[in-house]
Protein backbone atom coordinates (compact mmCIF):
# COMPACT_ATOMS: atom_id res chain seq x y z
CA MET A 1 62.51 200.91 -101.99
CA ASP A 2 59.31 202.82 -101.16
CA LEU A 3 55.83 202.46 -102.67
CA ALA A 4 56.39 205.20 -105.26
CA GLY A 5 59.60 203.54 -106.45
CA LEU A 6 57.96 200.11 -106.68
CA LEU A 7 55.02 201.45 -108.65
CA THR A 8 57.22 203.49 -110.96
CA GLN A 9 59.43 200.52 -111.71
CA TYR A 10 56.96 197.61 -111.67
CA GLY A 11 53.46 199.17 -111.73
CA TYR A 12 52.57 198.45 -115.33
CA ALA A 13 54.03 194.94 -115.17
CA MET A 14 51.87 194.26 -112.10
CA VAL A 15 48.81 195.57 -113.94
CA PHE A 16 49.57 193.31 -116.91
CA VAL A 17 50.09 190.20 -114.79
CA GLY A 18 47.09 190.99 -112.59
CA THR A 19 44.75 191.41 -115.54
CA LEU A 20 45.74 188.14 -117.22
CA CYS A 21 43.25 186.33 -114.96
CA GLU A 22 40.71 188.14 -112.81
CA GLY A 23 42.20 191.58 -112.34
CA GLU A 24 39.37 193.85 -111.18
CA THR A 25 41.04 194.58 -107.85
CA VAL A 26 44.40 195.17 -109.52
CA LEU A 27 42.79 197.52 -112.02
CA LEU A 28 40.90 199.45 -109.36
CA LEU A 29 44.15 199.86 -107.43
CA ALA A 30 45.99 200.93 -110.58
CA GLY A 31 43.32 203.58 -111.21
CA PHE A 32 43.73 204.73 -107.62
CA PHE A 33 47.50 204.98 -108.04
CA ALA A 34 47.08 206.79 -111.35
CA HIS A 35 45.09 209.44 -109.53
CA ARG A 36 47.79 209.62 -106.86
CA GLY A 37 50.32 210.31 -109.63
CA TYR A 38 52.27 207.06 -109.45
CA LEU A 39 50.99 205.75 -112.81
CA ASP A 40 49.46 207.26 -115.94
CA LEU A 41 45.73 206.52 -116.36
CA GLY A 42 46.07 206.00 -120.12
CA GLY A 43 48.98 203.65 -119.56
CA VAL A 44 46.96 201.71 -116.99
CA MET A 45 44.04 201.35 -119.42
CA ILE A 46 46.24 200.20 -122.30
CA THR A 47 48.19 197.76 -120.14
CA ALA A 48 44.99 196.31 -118.64
CA PHE A 49 43.45 196.00 -122.10
CA ILE A 50 46.48 194.10 -123.44
CA GLY A 51 46.70 191.86 -120.36
CA ALA A 52 42.99 191.03 -120.45
CA VAL A 53 43.01 190.22 -124.17
CA CYS A 54 46.13 188.05 -123.84
CA GLY A 55 44.69 186.15 -120.87
CA ASP A 56 41.34 185.49 -122.50
CA GLN A 57 42.93 184.43 -125.78
CA LEU A 58 45.19 182.03 -123.89
CA PHE A 59 42.30 180.46 -121.97
CA PHE A 60 40.10 180.26 -125.09
CA HIS A 61 42.79 178.38 -127.01
CA LEU A 62 43.61 176.15 -124.03
CA GLY A 63 39.93 175.24 -123.93
CA ARG A 64 39.90 174.63 -127.66
CA ARG A 65 42.97 172.36 -127.60
CA HIS A 66 43.04 170.64 -124.20
CA ALA A 67 39.72 170.82 -122.36
CA LYS A 68 38.06 167.93 -124.23
CA ALA A 69 40.84 165.53 -123.25
CA LEU A 70 40.62 166.70 -119.64
CA LEU A 71 36.86 166.20 -119.60
CA GLU A 72 37.26 162.66 -120.95
CA ARG A 73 39.32 161.80 -117.88
CA PHE A 74 36.60 163.05 -115.49
CA PRO A 75 33.13 161.81 -116.60
CA PRO A 76 31.17 163.42 -113.69
CA LEU A 77 32.74 166.78 -114.50
CA ARG A 78 32.03 166.26 -118.21
CA GLU A 79 28.28 165.97 -117.56
CA LYS A 80 28.18 169.22 -115.60
CA VAL A 81 30.31 171.05 -118.16
CA ASN A 82 28.17 169.81 -121.05
CA ALA A 83 25.03 171.15 -119.38
CA ALA A 84 26.67 174.57 -118.96
CA LEU A 85 28.06 174.47 -122.50
CA ARG A 86 24.58 174.12 -123.98
CA ARG A 87 23.68 177.46 -122.38
CA VAL A 88 26.95 179.10 -123.47
CA GLU A 89 26.56 177.79 -127.02
CA ASP A 90 23.15 179.45 -127.36
CA HIS A 91 24.42 182.86 -126.18
CA GLN A 92 28.02 183.08 -127.39
CA VAL A 93 28.11 186.81 -128.20
CA LYS A 94 26.44 187.80 -124.93
CA VAL A 95 28.81 185.58 -122.97
CA VAL A 96 31.94 187.03 -124.61
CA LEU A 97 30.79 190.62 -124.13
CA SER A 98 29.78 190.11 -120.50
CA MET A 99 32.26 187.48 -119.25
CA ARG A 100 34.75 190.07 -118.14
CA PHE A 101 32.17 191.59 -115.79
CA LEU A 102 31.19 188.26 -114.20
CA TRP A 103 33.47 188.01 -111.22
CA GLY A 104 34.96 184.58 -110.68
CA LEU A 105 34.27 183.33 -114.22
CA ARG A 106 36.98 185.14 -116.15
CA ILE A 107 38.99 181.96 -116.67
CA ALA A 108 36.13 179.44 -116.90
CA LEU A 109 34.15 181.26 -119.58
CA PRO A 110 36.94 181.63 -122.17
CA VAL A 111 37.81 177.95 -121.64
CA ALA A 112 34.13 177.04 -122.07
CA LEU A 113 33.87 179.17 -125.19
CA GLY A 114 36.88 177.33 -126.55
CA LEU A 115 34.82 174.13 -126.29
CA THR A 116 31.96 175.61 -128.34
CA THR A 117 31.63 176.06 -132.08
CA MET A 118 32.55 179.75 -131.82
CA ASP A 119 34.98 180.88 -134.49
CA ALA A 120 38.33 181.95 -133.00
CA ARG A 121 38.39 185.18 -135.05
CA ARG A 122 34.92 186.12 -133.87
CA PHE A 123 35.96 185.50 -130.28
CA PHE A 124 39.05 187.67 -130.80
CA TRP A 125 37.10 190.69 -132.11
CA LEU A 126 34.40 190.44 -129.46
CA ASN A 127 37.08 189.98 -126.82
CA LEU A 128 38.82 193.17 -127.99
CA THR A 129 35.60 195.12 -127.58
CA SER A 130 34.84 193.67 -124.17
CA ALA A 131 38.40 194.21 -122.91
CA ALA A 132 38.43 197.84 -124.05
CA VAL A 133 35.20 198.63 -122.20
CA TRP A 134 36.30 196.72 -119.11
CA ALA A 135 39.75 198.33 -118.92
CA CYS A 136 38.32 201.83 -119.25
CA VAL A 137 35.46 201.28 -116.78
CA PHE A 138 37.48 199.74 -113.96
CA SER A 139 40.45 202.10 -114.41
CA CYS A 140 38.13 205.10 -114.27
CA VAL A 141 36.25 203.72 -111.26
CA GLY A 142 39.56 203.33 -109.41
CA PHE A 143 40.63 206.80 -110.51
CA GLY A 144 37.28 208.34 -109.54
CA THR A 145 37.21 206.55 -106.21
CA SER A 146 40.62 207.95 -105.41
CA ARG A 147 39.38 211.43 -106.29
CA ALA A 148 36.38 211.03 -103.97
CA VAL A 149 38.55 209.64 -101.17
CA SER A 150 41.05 212.46 -101.65
CA ARG A 151 38.35 215.05 -101.29
CA ALA A 152 36.95 213.34 -98.22
CA PHE A 153 40.34 212.88 -96.63
CA GLU A 154 42.80 215.55 -97.66
CA ASP A 155 45.74 213.71 -96.15
CA VAL A 156 45.01 210.32 -97.77
CA HIS A 157 48.65 210.19 -98.92
CA SER A 158 49.66 209.20 -95.42
CA TYR A 159 47.28 206.20 -95.65
CA ASP A 160 48.40 204.83 -99.04
CA LYS A 161 50.34 201.93 -97.54
CA TRP A 162 47.47 201.04 -95.20
CA LEU A 163 44.97 201.13 -98.04
CA VAL A 164 47.12 198.76 -100.10
CA LEU A 165 47.57 196.44 -97.12
CA GLY A 166 43.82 196.53 -96.48
CA VAL A 167 43.01 195.64 -100.09
CA LEU A 168 45.59 192.85 -100.05
CA ALA A 169 44.05 191.52 -96.83
CA VAL A 170 40.60 191.52 -98.44
CA ILE A 171 41.98 189.71 -101.50
CA LEU A 172 43.58 187.07 -99.29
CA VAL A 173 40.35 186.56 -97.34
CA VAL A 174 38.34 186.20 -100.57
CA LEU A 175 40.86 183.73 -102.02
CA TRP A 176 40.88 181.75 -98.79
CA ALA A 177 37.05 181.68 -98.74
CA ARG A 178 36.92 180.49 -102.35
CA TRP A 179 39.53 177.81 -101.67
CA HIS A 180 37.76 176.75 -98.48
CA GLY A 181 34.43 176.54 -100.36
CA ALA A 182 36.01 174.46 -103.11
CA GLN A 183 37.50 172.10 -100.53
CA ARG A 184 34.12 171.74 -98.85
CA LEU A 185 32.50 170.90 -102.22
CA LYS A 186 35.18 168.27 -102.88
CA ARG A 187 34.46 166.64 -99.52
CA GLN A 188 30.72 166.59 -100.25
CA SER A 189 31.19 164.96 -103.67
């Protein structure tokens, strides 16, 4: 099966799964492929919106129900989390509206907000707003970037596979660097 067939069959499912957690790279790629005609831009935005809301709701409620017990098991971690929670508690609305744009914190912040006094309904409505803006912005940036690349390189179609492989390589390097950094921090502790 070629790239067009894969995207036609599984593109929206990949967008949904990719936006459950971090998702910016997936959404930029989806916008790129929407411009290339493999996906529909509106469908990408809606799918990303739904995936982002579902992911954040899941992590918020996991934080609400299970994070306190986990923190009780790890007292040094509890002290660090409590210091961060004091800051989050004071700026709940700002955190919810901006968390989606803070790379690397998309899972931690909803969990942290679940530990605060924030009302679940309030989180839900603010999360809907934030997810809608985020899905539209990153989809359109991917779409617009593709348009600019297409104008610069008229035969960009022949490079689609290489572009995807390049982005995947960058993602793997970033994930490896984050993992390596976390391992180094564990050794220092």
